[in-house]
Amino acid sequence: MPLAAYQGRPLLLNFWATWCPPCVDELPRLAAFYRQNAGNGWQVLGLAVDQPSHVLRFLEKTPLPYPVAMAGLEGTDLSKSLGNEAGSLPFSILIHSDGRVLKRKIGQLSSEDLAHWVS
């Protein structure tokens, strides 16, 4: 699905990988955030900076309620172009419904971060 399909509603974009312990640790928070806010128009999209076979195997054991796209190693370049100069993971971006980037965070999102981003 092209990213344009996510326009018109706020989007939390999360770059992650199966081999990244902080990434895996924050996934339950992102899933809870999605479940609590999807009814209010919020979207979450995970971008896996990883090998597709690893991601598919991970998602079989740990399904997520929101879409996950395979970014592969090119995902690092994409995250850098969006403000993650070091290419670190996890990396999250809050995109306004009009396409403007409102927030960026390198490292795990806390429950407090998520609550602040919604308000």
C-alpha atoms as a PDB file:
ATOM      1  CA  MET A   1       0.000   0.000   0.000  1.00  0.00           C
ATOM      2  CA  PRO A   2       1.499   3.371  -0.962  1.00  0.00           C
ATOM      3  CA  LEU A   3       2.110   5.891   1.818  1.00  0.00           C
ATOM      4  CA  ALA A   4      -0.378   8.227   0.127  1.00  0.00           C
ATOM      5  CA  ALA A   5      -3.116   5.853   1.336  1.00  0.00           C
ATOM      6  CA  TYR A   6      -2.413   7.101   4.873  1.00  0.00           C
ATOM      7  CA  GLN A   7      -3.051  10.778   4.109  1.00  0.00           C
ATOM      8  CA  GLY A   8      -5.943  12.587   5.725  1.00  0.00           C
ATOM      9  CA  ARG A   9      -5.533  11.069   9.206  1.00  0.00           C
ATOM     10  CA  PRO A  10      -2.718  11.289  11.755  1.00  0.00           C
ATOM     11  CA  LEU A  11      -0.056   8.624  11.319  1.00  0.00           C
ATOM     12  CA  LEU A  12       2.500   7.213  13.725  1.00  0.00           C
ATOM     13  CA  LEU A  13       5.293   5.766  11.611  1.00  0.00           C
ATOM     14  CA  ASN A  14       7.613   3.389  13.474  1.00  0.00           C
ATOM     15  CA  PHE A  15      10.909   2.038  12.102  1.00  0.00           C
ATOM     16  CA  TRP A  16      11.891  -1.190  13.851  1.00  0.00           C
ATOM     17  CA  ALA A  17      13.653  -4.542  13.433  1.00  0.00           C
ATOM     18  CA  THR A  18      13.291  -8.015  14.903  1.00  0.00           C
ATOM     19  CA  TRP A  19      16.956  -7.998  15.995  1.00  0.00           C
ATOM     20  CA  CYS A  20      16.534  -4.733  17.951  1.00  0.00           C
ATOM     21  CA  PRO A  21      15.555  -5.453  21.604  1.00  0.00           C
ATOM     22  CA  PRO A  22      14.279  -1.890  22.309  1.00  0.00           C
ATOM     23  CA  CYS A  23      12.163  -2.104  19.142  1.00  0.00           C
ATOM     24  CA  VAL A  24      10.582  -5.399  20.148  1.00  0.00           C
ATOM     25  CA  ASP A  25      10.064  -4.081  23.690  1.00  0.00           C
ATOM     26  CA  GLU A  26       8.010  -1.096  22.502  1.00  0.00           C
ATOM     27  CA  LEU A  27       5.732  -3.075  20.145  1.00  0.00           C
ATOM     28  CA  PRO A  28       3.127  -3.894  22.854  1.00  0.00           C
ATOM     29  CA  ARG A  29       2.870  -0.153  23.658  1.00  0.00           C
ATOM     30  CA  LEU A  30       2.386   0.667  19.985  1.00  0.00           C
ATOM     31  CA  ALA A  31      -0.229  -2.079  19.661  1.00  0.00           C
ATOM     32  CA  ALA A  32      -2.097  -0.733  22.708  1.00  0.00           C
ATOM     33  CA  PHE A  33      -1.854   2.812  21.329  1.00  0.00           C
ATOM     34  CA  TYR A  34      -3.322   1.632  18.021  1.00  0.00           C
ATOM     35  CA  ARG A  35      -6.173  -0.260  19.690  1.00  0.00           C
ATOM     36  CA  GLN A  36      -7.042   2.737  21.885  1.00  0.00           C
ATOM     37  CA  ASN A  37      -6.866   5.368  19.137  1.00  0.00           C
ATOM     38  CA  ALA A  38      -7.786   3.733  15.822  1.00  0.00           C
ATOM     39  CA  GLY A  39     -11.445   4.556  16.417  1.00  0.00           C
ATOM     40  CA  ASN A  40     -10.459   8.230  16.599  1.00  0.00           C
ATOM     41  CA  GLY A  41      -8.786   8.131  13.197  1.00  0.00           C
ATOM     42  CA  TRP A  42      -5.236   7.407  14.289  1.00  0.00           C
ATOM     43  CA  GLN A  43      -3.101   5.158  12.126  1.00  0.00           C
ATOM     44  CA  VAL A  44       0.077   3.240  12.936  1.00  0.00           C
ATOM     45  CA  LEU A  45       2.422   1.838  10.324  1.00  0.00           C
ATOM     46  CA  GLY A  46       5.436  -0.263  11.231  1.00  0.00           C
ATOM     47  CA  LEU A  47       8.367  -0.177   8.811  1.00  0.00           C
ATOM     48  CA  ALA A  48      10.562  -3.213   9.342  1.00  0.00           C
ATOM     49  CA  VAL A  49      14.226  -2.496   8.619  1.00  0.00           C
ATOM     50  CA  ASP A  50      14.975  -6.181   8.440  1.00  0.00           C
ATOM     51  CA  GLN A  51      14.921  -9.251   6.220  1.00  0.00           C
ATOM     52  CA  PRO A  52      11.343 -10.085   5.196  1.00  0.00           C
ATOM     53  CA  SER A  53      11.696 -13.737   6.246  1.00  0.00           C
ATOM     54  CA  HIS A  54      12.669 -12.678   9.778  1.00  0.00           C
ATOM     55  CA  VAL A  55       9.773 -10.235   9.992  1.00  0.00           C
ATOM     56  CA  LEU A  56       7.214 -12.746   8.721  1.00  0.00           C
ATOM     57  CA  ARG A  57       8.436 -15.373  11.198  1.00  0.00           C
ATOM     58  CA  PHE A  58       8.292 -12.802  14.029  1.00  0.00           C
ATOM     59  CA  LEU A  59       4.765 -11.673  13.082  1.00  0.00           C
ATOM     60  CA  GLU A  60       3.538 -15.277  13.018  1.00  0.00           C
ATOM     61  CA  LYS A  61       4.529 -15.586  16.691  1.00  0.00           C
ATOM     62  CA  THR A  62       3.709 -11.997  17.683  1.00  0.00           C
ATOM     63  CA  PRO A  63       0.943 -10.589  15.474  1.00  0.00           C
ATOM     64  CA  LEU A  64       0.447  -6.835  15.475  1.00  0.00           C
ATOM     65  CA  PRO A  65      -2.947  -5.142  15.048  1.00  0.00           C
ATOM     66  CA  TYR A  66      -1.582  -2.530  12.640  1.00  0.00           C
ATOM     67  CA  PRO A  67       0.056  -2.883   9.209  1.00  0.00           C
ATOM     68  CA  VAL A  68       3.752  -3.631   8.887  1.00  0.00           C
ATOM     69  CA  ALA A  69       5.614  -2.859   5.670  1.00  0.00           C
ATOM     70  CA  MET A  70       8.947  -4.356   4.686  1.00  0.00           C
ATOM     71  CA  ALA A  71      11.458  -1.533   4.370  1.00  0.00           C
ATOM     72  CA  GLY A  72      14.525  -3.763   4.171  1.00  0.00           C
ATOM     73  CA  LEU A  73      17.936  -2.176   4.502  1.00  0.00           C
ATOM     74  CA  GLU A  74      16.686   0.762   2.411  1.00  0.00           C
ATOM     75  CA  GLY A  75      14.576   1.644   5.444  1.00  0.00           C
ATOM     76  CA  THR A  76      17.693   3.056   7.090  1.00  0.00           C
ATOM     77  CA  ASP A  77      18.101   5.541   4.226  1.00  0.00           C
ATOM     78  CA  LEU A  78      14.411   6.425   4.412  1.00  0.00           C
ATOM     79  CA  SER A  79      14.611   7.036   8.170  1.00  0.00           C
ATOM     80  CA  LYS A  80      17.696   9.231   7.639  1.00  0.00           C
ATOM     81  CA  SER A  81      15.808  11.275   5.053  1.00  0.00           C
ATOM     82  CA  LEU A  82      13.080  11.807   7.677  1.00  0.00           C
ATOM     83  CA  GLY A  83      15.453  13.170  10.335  1.00  0.00           C
ATOM     84  CA  ASN A  84      17.122  10.093  11.843  1.00  0.00           C
ATOM     85  CA  GLU A  85      20.669  11.135  10.913  1.00  0.00           C
ATOM     86  CA  ALA A  86      22.309   8.235  12.773  1.00  0.00           C
ATOM     87  CA  GLY A  87      19.955   5.628  11.329  1.00  0.00           C
ATOM     88  CA  SER A  88      19.196   4.382  14.851  1.00  0.00           C
ATOM     89  CA  LEU A  89      16.318   2.078  15.784  1.00  0.00           C
ATOM     90  CA  PRO A  90      13.664   2.342  16.947  1.00  0.00           C
ATOM     91  CA  PHE A  91      12.713   5.609  15.281  1.00  0.00           C
ATOM     92  CA  SER A  92       9.205   7.043  15.286  1.00  0.00           C
ATOM     93  CA  ILE A  93       7.575   9.951  13.511  1.00  0.00           C
ATOM     94  CA  LEU A  94       4.199  11.566  14.088  1.00  0.00           C
ATOM     95  CA  ILE A  95       2.726  12.845  10.829  1.00  0.00           C
ATOM     96  CA  HIS A  96      -0.226  15.246  10.883  1.00  0.00           C
ATOM     97  CA  SER A  97      -3.254  14.481   8.725  1.00  0.00           C
ATOM     98  CA  ASP A  98      -2.047  17.183   6.288  1.00  0.00           C
ATOM     99  CA  GLY A  99       1.340  15.464   5.874  1.00  0.00           C
ATOM    100  CA  ARG A 100       3.442  17.676   8.140  1.00  0.00           C
ATOM    101  CA  VAL A 101       5.926  15.943  10.437  1.00  0.00           C
ATOM    102  CA  LEU A 102       4.993  17.016  13.969  1.00  0.00           C
ATOM    103  CA  LYS A 103       7.280  14.906  16.168  1.00  0.00           C
ATOM    104  CA  ARG A 104      10.298  12.629  15.861  1.00  0.00           C
ATOM    105  CA  LYS A 105      11.879  10.351  18.418  1.00  0.00           C
ATOM    106  CA  ILE A 106      14.954   8.170  18.259  1.00  0.00           C
ATOM    107  CA  GLY A 107      14.676   5.376  20.812  1.00  0.00           C
ATOM    108  CA  GLN A 108      11.722   3.748  22.495  1.00  0.00           C
ATOM    109  CA  LEU A 109       8.438   5.558  22.790  1.00  0.00           C
ATOM    110  CA  SER A 110       7.148   5.537  26.346  1.00  0.00           C
ATOM    111  CA  SER A 111       3.491   5.491  27.311  1.00  0.00           C
ATOM    112  CA  GLU A 112       3.974   9.141  28.316  1.00  0.00           C
ATOM    113  CA  ASP A 113       5.358  10.011  24.872  1.00  0.00           C
ATOM    114  CA  LEU A 114       2.364   8.407  23.209  1.00  0.00           C
ATOM    115  CA  ALA A 115      -0.110  10.176  25.510  1.00  0.00           C
ATOM    116  CA  HIS A 116       1.613  13.507  24.795  1.00  0.00           C
ATOM    117  CA  TRP A 117       1.631  12.877  21.039  1.00  0.00           C
ATOM    118  CA  VAL A 118      -2.126  12.248  21.017  1.00  0.00           C
ATOM    119  CA  SER A 119      -2.924  15.497  22.862  1.00  0.00           C
END
